[in-house]
Amino acid sequence: MNEIAEQHLAEPGLVVFDVTGADEDTVRAAVDAPGRLYAISGPGRLRRVPGQAGVRVRVYANLLRPGGRP
């Protein structure tokens, strides 16, 4: 995964985070939790890196806006 540089976060409250989990269900659960509180992009395309264990996904969140999901 690429390193996130400060210039990518143009506004206060915008966050980018990478989630790595053992399987797809774990990653989806980890992404769903902040989605209940904040506006997030949701899980994007899940990626597997050949030769490495786990599943990865990048998520974008706006901490200034409520998520609105139950």
C-alpha atoms as a PDB file:
ATOM      1  CA  MET A   1       0.000   0.000   0.000  1.00  0.00           C
ATOM      2  CA  ASN A   2       1.076   3.529  -0.679  1.00  0.00           C
ATOM      3  CA  GLU A   3       2.050   5.823   2.139  1.00  0.00           C
ATOM      4  CA  ILE A   4      -0.453   8.624   2.742  1.00  0.00           C
ATOM      5  CA  ALA A   5       1.080  12.067   2.514  1.00  0.00           C
ATOM      6  CA  GLU A   6      -0.304  15.115   4.272  1.00  0.00           C
ATOM      7  CA  GLN A   7      -1.218  16.859   1.010  1.00  0.00           C
ATOM      8  CA  HIS A   8      -3.794  14.152   0.237  1.00  0.00           C
ATOM      9  CA  LEU A   9      -5.954  15.371   3.137  1.00  0.00           C
ATOM     10  CA  ALA A  10      -7.096  18.734   1.830  1.00  0.00           C
ATOM     11  CA  GLU A  11      -9.779  19.409   4.457  1.00  0.00           C
ATOM     12  CA  PRO A  12      -9.944  18.971   8.231  1.00  0.00           C
ATOM     13  CA  GLY A  13     -11.862  15.865   9.222  1.00  0.00           C
ATOM     14  CA  LEU A  14     -11.063  13.806   6.127  1.00  0.00           C
ATOM     15  CA  VAL A  15      -9.346  10.525   6.939  1.00  0.00           C
ATOM     16  CA  VAL A  16      -7.962   7.698   4.842  1.00  0.00           C
ATOM     17  CA  PHE A  17      -7.304   4.370   6.499  1.00  0.00           C
ATOM     18  CA  ASP A  18      -6.155   0.971   5.306  1.00  0.00           C
ATOM     19  CA  VAL A  19      -7.663  -2.120   6.868  1.00  0.00           C
ATOM     20  CA  THR A  20      -5.970  -5.515   6.755  1.00  0.00           C
ATOM     21  CA  GLY A  21      -7.700  -8.605   8.084  1.00  0.00           C
ATOM     22  CA  ALA A  22      -7.438 -12.362   7.965  1.00  0.00           C
ATOM     23  CA  ASP A  23     -10.499 -12.727   5.728  1.00  0.00           C
ATOM     24  CA  GLU A  24     -13.162 -10.737   3.888  1.00  0.00           C
ATOM     25  CA  ASP A  25     -15.732 -10.949   6.697  1.00  0.00           C
ATOM     26  CA  THR A  26     -13.259  -9.492   9.203  1.00  0.00           C
ATOM     27  CA  VAL A  27     -12.362  -6.595   6.910  1.00  0.00           C
ATOM     28  CA  ARG A  28     -16.013  -5.810   6.171  1.00  0.00           C
ATOM     29  CA  ALA A  29     -16.834  -5.812   9.899  1.00  0.00           C
ATOM     30  CA  ALA A  30     -13.910  -3.469  10.618  1.00  0.00           C
ATOM     31  CA  VAL A  31     -15.100  -1.057   7.925  1.00  0.00           C
ATOM     32  CA  ASP A  32     -18.743  -1.252   8.974  1.00  0.00           C
ATOM     33  CA  ALA A  33     -18.043  -0.157  12.565  1.00  0.00           C
ATOM     34  CA  PRO A  34     -16.910   3.433  11.778  1.00  0.00           C
ATOM     35  CA  GLY A  35     -19.590   3.587   9.064  1.00  0.00           C
ATOM     36  CA  ARG A  36     -22.213   3.642  11.816  1.00  0.00           C
ATOM     37  CA  LEU A  37     -20.738   6.879  13.172  1.00  0.00           C
ATOM     38  CA  TYR A  38     -19.271   8.746  10.197  1.00  0.00           C
ATOM     39  CA  ALA A  39     -19.829   9.226   6.482  1.00  0.00           C
ATOM     40  CA  ILE A  40     -17.487   6.736   4.812  1.00  0.00           C
ATOM     41  CA  SER A  41     -16.848   5.525   1.291  1.00  0.00           C
ATOM     42  CA  GLY A  42     -17.649   1.970   2.344  1.00  0.00           C
ATOM     43  CA  PRO A  43     -15.424  -0.934   1.532  1.00  0.00           C
ATOM     44  CA  GLY A  44     -13.875  -0.555  -1.853  1.00  0.00           C
ATOM     45  CA  ARG A  45     -12.400  -3.393  -3.806  1.00  0.00           C
ATOM     46  CA  LEU A  46     -10.866  -5.973  -1.508  1.00  0.00           C
ATOM     47  CA  ARG A  47      -7.273  -6.769  -2.449  1.00  0.00           C
ATOM     48  CA  ARG A  48      -5.021  -9.705  -1.806  1.00  0.00           C
ATOM     49  CA  VAL A  49      -1.267  -9.394  -2.226  1.00  0.00           C
ATOM     50  CA  PRO A  50       0.320 -12.532  -3.687  1.00  0.00           C
ATOM     51  CA  GLY A  51       2.566 -14.198  -1.140  1.00  0.00           C
ATOM     52  CA  GLN A  52       1.067 -12.298   1.819  1.00  0.00           C
ATOM     53  CA  ALA A  53      -1.696 -13.446   4.119  1.00  0.00           C
ATOM     54  CA  GLY A  54      -4.850 -11.421   4.553  1.00  0.00           C
ATOM     55  CA  VAL A  55      -7.198  -9.113   2.713  1.00  0.00           C
ATOM     56  CA  ARG A  56      -6.789  -5.337   2.409  1.00  0.00           C
ATOM     57  CA  VAL A  57      -9.086  -2.428   1.666  1.00  0.00           C
ATOM     58  CA  ARG A  58      -8.722   1.365   1.695  1.00  0.00           C
ATOM     59  CA  VAL A  59     -11.546   3.460   3.173  1.00  0.00           C
ATOM     60  CA  TYR A  60     -12.168   7.210   3.111  1.00  0.00           C
ATOM     61  CA  ALA A  61     -14.062   8.847   5.965  1.00  0.00           C
ATOM     62  CA  ASN A  62     -15.398  12.300   6.789  1.00  0.00           C
ATOM     63  CA  LEU A  63     -15.298  12.677  10.562  1.00  0.00           C
ATOM     64  CA  LEU A  64     -17.289  15.916  10.419  1.00  0.00           C
ATOM     65  CA  ARG A  65     -20.435  14.298   8.986  1.00  0.00           C
ATOM     66  CA  PRO A  66     -22.557  11.671  10.719  1.00  0.00           C
ATOM     67  CA  GLY A  67     -22.854   8.327   8.979  1.00  0.00           C
ATOM     68  CA  GLY A  68     -26.596   8.071   9.151  1.00  0.00           C
ATOM     69  CA  ARG A  69     -26.646   4.266   8.961  1.00  0.00           C
ATOM     70  CA  PRO A  70     -28.337   2.261  11.742  1.00  0.00           C
END
